[in-house]
Protein backbone atom coordinates (compact mmCIF):
# COMPACT_ATOMS: atom_id res chain seq x y z
CA UNK A 1 18.57 0.95 -9.40
CA UNK A 2 18.86 1.50 -13.56
CA UNK A 3 16.62 3.09 -15.86
CA UNK A 4 15.15 2.91 -19.69
CA UNK A 5 12.57 4.84 -21.72
CA UNK A 6 10.68 2.81 -23.77
CA UNK A 7 9.72 4.68 -26.95
CA UNK A 8 6.62 2.06 -27.84
CA UNK A 9 4.74 -0.53 -27.33
CA UNK A 10 7.21 -2.75 -29.53
CA UNK A 11 10.21 -1.72 -28.10
CA UNK A 12 8.57 -2.82 -24.32
CA UNK A 13 7.13 -6.12 -25.94
CA UNK A 14 11.27 -6.71 -27.41
CA UNK A 15 12.26 -6.01 -23.79
CA UNK A 16 10.45 -8.33 -21.95
CA UNK A 17 11.00 -11.22 -24.41
CA UNK A 18 15.14 -10.98 -23.96
CA UNK A 19 15.36 -10.90 -20.21
CA UNK A 20 12.33 -13.80 -20.22
CA UNK A 21 15.27 -15.29 -22.40
CA UNK A 22 17.65 -14.67 -19.75
CA UNK A 23 16.14 -15.73 -16.25
CA UNK A 24 16.94 -18.61 -15.01
CA UNK A 25 13.62 -20.78 -12.56
CA UNK A 26 13.58 -19.44 -9.00
CA UNK A 27 13.26 -15.87 -10.11
CA UNK A 28 10.69 -13.27 -8.56
CA UNK A 29 9.80 -10.17 -10.57
CA UNK A 30 7.99 -7.17 -8.67
CA UNK A 31 5.76 -5.08 -11.04
CA UNK A 32 4.67 -1.89 -9.63
CA UNK A 33 3.00 0.43 -12.19
CA UNK A 34 -0.59 2.31 -12.85
CA UNK A 35 -3.43 0.47 -14.48
CA UNK A 36 -2.58 0.98 -18.72
CA UNK A 37 0.97 1.04 -17.91
CA UNK A 38 2.14 -2.11 -19.58
CA UNK A 39 2.54 -4.49 -16.59
CA UNK A 40 0.64 -7.33 -18.69
CA UNK A 41 2.32 -6.35 -21.61
CA UNK A 42 6.30 -7.22 -20.23
CA UNK A 43 4.61 -10.03 -18.54
CA UNK A 44 3.12 -11.19 -22.14
CA UNK A 45 6.70 -10.81 -23.60
CA UNK A 46 8.41 -12.55 -21.00
CA UNK A 47 6.25 -15.58 -20.92
CA UNK A 48 7.51 -15.76 -24.93
CA UNK A 49 11.21 -15.27 -23.87
CA UNK A 50 10.25 -18.61 -22.02
CA UNK A 51 8.79 -20.88 -24.50
CA UNK A 52 5.68 -20.42 -23.50
CA UNK A 53 2.92 -20.31 -26.60
CA UNK A 54 0.05 -19.90 -24.69
CA UNK A 55 -2.21 -16.14 -24.37
CA UNK A 56 -1.14 -14.57 -21.40
CA UNK A 57 -3.67 -12.50 -19.62
CA UNK A 58 -3.81 -10.48 -16.54
CA UNK A 59 -4.67 -12.55 -14.04
CA UNK A 60 -6.55 -10.10 -12.36
CA UNK A 61 -9.97 -12.33 -11.63
CA UNK A 62 -8.24 -15.47 -11.17
CA UNK A 63 -5.50 -13.43 -9.27
CA UNK A 64 -2.46 -16.50 -10.57
CA UNK A 65 -2.42 -17.67 -13.73
CA UNK A 66 0.33 -20.77 -14.48
CA UNK A 67 1.95 -21.31 -17.80
CA UNK A 68 4.24 -23.99 -18.81
CA UNK A 69 7.34 -22.49 -20.89
CA UNK A 70 10.87 -23.99 -21.15
CA UNK A 71 9.77 -23.54 -16.73
CA UNK A 72 7.04 -22.47 -15.16
CA UNK A 73 5.42 -19.04 -15.10
CA UNK A 74 3.63 -18.14 -12.12
CA UNK A 75 1.68 -14.85 -12.59
CA UNK A 76 -0.07 -13.25 -10.06
CA UNK A 77 -2.34 -9.97 -9.77
CA UNK A 78 -2.72 -8.87 -6.16
CA UNK A 79 -5.46 -5.59 -7.54
CA UNK A 80 -8.42 -7.66 -6.02
CA UNK A 81 -7.04 -9.01 -2.70
CA UNK A 82 -7.58 -6.77 0.63
CA UNK A 83 -6.11 -8.15 3.46
CA UNK A 84 -3.27 -10.16 4.63
CA UNK A 85 -4.72 -13.35 5.13
CA UNK A 86 -5.93 -13.26 1.32
CA UNK A 87 -2.42 -14.31 0.62
CA UNK A 88 -1.97 -17.24 2.79
CA UNK A 89 -5.12 -18.90 1.28
CA UNK A 90 -4.28 -18.44 -2.69
CA UNK A 91 -1.36 -20.78 -1.53
CA UNK A 92 1.44 -17.24 -2.78
CA UNK A 93 4.15 -18.40 -0.03
CA UNK A 94 4.25 -21.69 -1.63
CA UNK A 95 5.19 -19.86 -4.98
CA UNK A 96 7.22 -17.17 -3.72
CA UNK A 97 9.45 -18.33 -1.10
CA UNK A 98 10.99 -21.64 -3.13
CA UNK A 99 9.95 -21.10 -6.50
CA UNK A 100 10.47 -23.52 -9.08
CA UNK A 101 9.75 -21.39 -12.42
CA UNK A 102 9.54 -17.85 -12.52
CA UNK A 103 7.07 -15.89 -10.14
CA UNK A 104 5.64 -12.31 -11.45
CA UNK A 105 3.39 -10.29 -9.10
CA UNK A 106 1.19 -7.42 -10.27
CA UNK A 107 0.80 -4.97 -7.50
CA UNK A 108 3.09 -6.13 -5.40
CA UNK A 109 3.34 -3.12 -3.65
CA UNK A 110 -0.26 -3.81 -2.13
CA UNK A 111 1.68 -6.43 0.28
CA UNK A 112 5.04 -4.92 0.13
CA UNK A 113 5.76 -6.24 3.70
CA UNK A 114 4.56 -9.94 2.42
CA UNK A 115 6.68 -10.06 -0.31
CA UNK A 116 10.19 -12.24 0.32
CA UNK A 117 13.96 -10.31 0.59
CA UNK A 118 14.97 -11.30 -2.69
CA UNK A 119 13.73 -9.87 -5.44
CA UNK A 120 13.75 -7.72 -8.82
CA UNK A 121 11.44 -4.82 -8.70
CA UNK A 122 10.45 -2.92 -12.14
CA UNK A 123 8.21 -0.13 -12.02
CA UNK A 124 6.61 1.15 -15.38
CA UNK A 125 5.72 4.45 -15.52
CA UNK A 126 3.59 6.33 -18.18
CA UNK A 127 5.93 9.46 -19.40
CA UNK A 128 4.68 12.81 -19.81
CA UNK A 129 6.65 12.66 -23.55
CA UNK A 130 4.62 10.61 -25.67
CA UNK A 131 1.60 8.24 -24.51
CA UNK A 132 3.53 5.40 -25.64
CA UNK A 133 5.98 6.34 -23.68
CA UNK A 134 7.34 4.04 -20.83
CA UNK A 135 9.90 4.64 -18.10
CA UNK A 136 11.28 1.30 -16.71
CA UNK A 137 13.04 1.40 -13.46
CA UNK A 138 14.62 -1.73 -12.06
CA UNK A 139 15.62 -2.26 -8.89
CA UNK A 140 16.94 -4.68 -6.52
CA UNK A 141 15.85 -5.87 -3.03
CA UNK A 142 18.25 -8.31 -1.35
CA UNK A 143 21.21 -9.56 -2.71
CA UNK A 144 20.13 -12.96 -3.79
CA UNK A 145 19.76 -11.76 -7.45
CA UNK A 146 22.45 -9.70 -8.19
CA UNK A 147 23.86 -11.50 -11.16
CA UNK A 148 21.12 -11.09 -12.74
CA UNK A 149 20.49 -8.03 -11.62
CA UNK A 150 23.46 -7.05 -13.90
CA UNK A 151 22.86 -9.38 -16.96
CA UNK A 152 19.56 -7.07 -17.07
CA UNK A 153 22.01 -3.75 -16.55
CA UNK A 154 23.78 -4.99 -19.65
CA UNK A 155 21.11 -5.81 -21.70
CA UNK A 156 18.61 -2.68 -21.63
CA UNK A 157 22.21 -0.67 -21.98
CA UNK A 158 22.81 -2.77 -25.07
């Protein structure tokens, strides 16, 4: 695990875009963080890094949005789901088990037992120091994304 402090929304956005440029198809990213922590801001800029030109919004009411860029971005928001069977109803496993693009899952912690064995975990939290400052903690689950995780760590440290 490693973490960085973003001093502003602009820094968080720039990081998301840089990371989006380096990801390859098949990557699953789970986002943890409170409402307003910056999860959607991160995803919007990750999408820019993937060459997606359209407006990226939180899929809170749609549950999932699909965006086309150099590869598809499948953006899930599990906030409104209550029961595990609802994941099956929305085709969640079809996208997560063998993704042909990038899968980003907001509120993934609601269904931690249903997540794939391998994913990158990003926790975004406010800090007490400044209302615009965020702590971004990156962690790895499983071993499939070890190389990508190490690349993200190098990027964040430069």
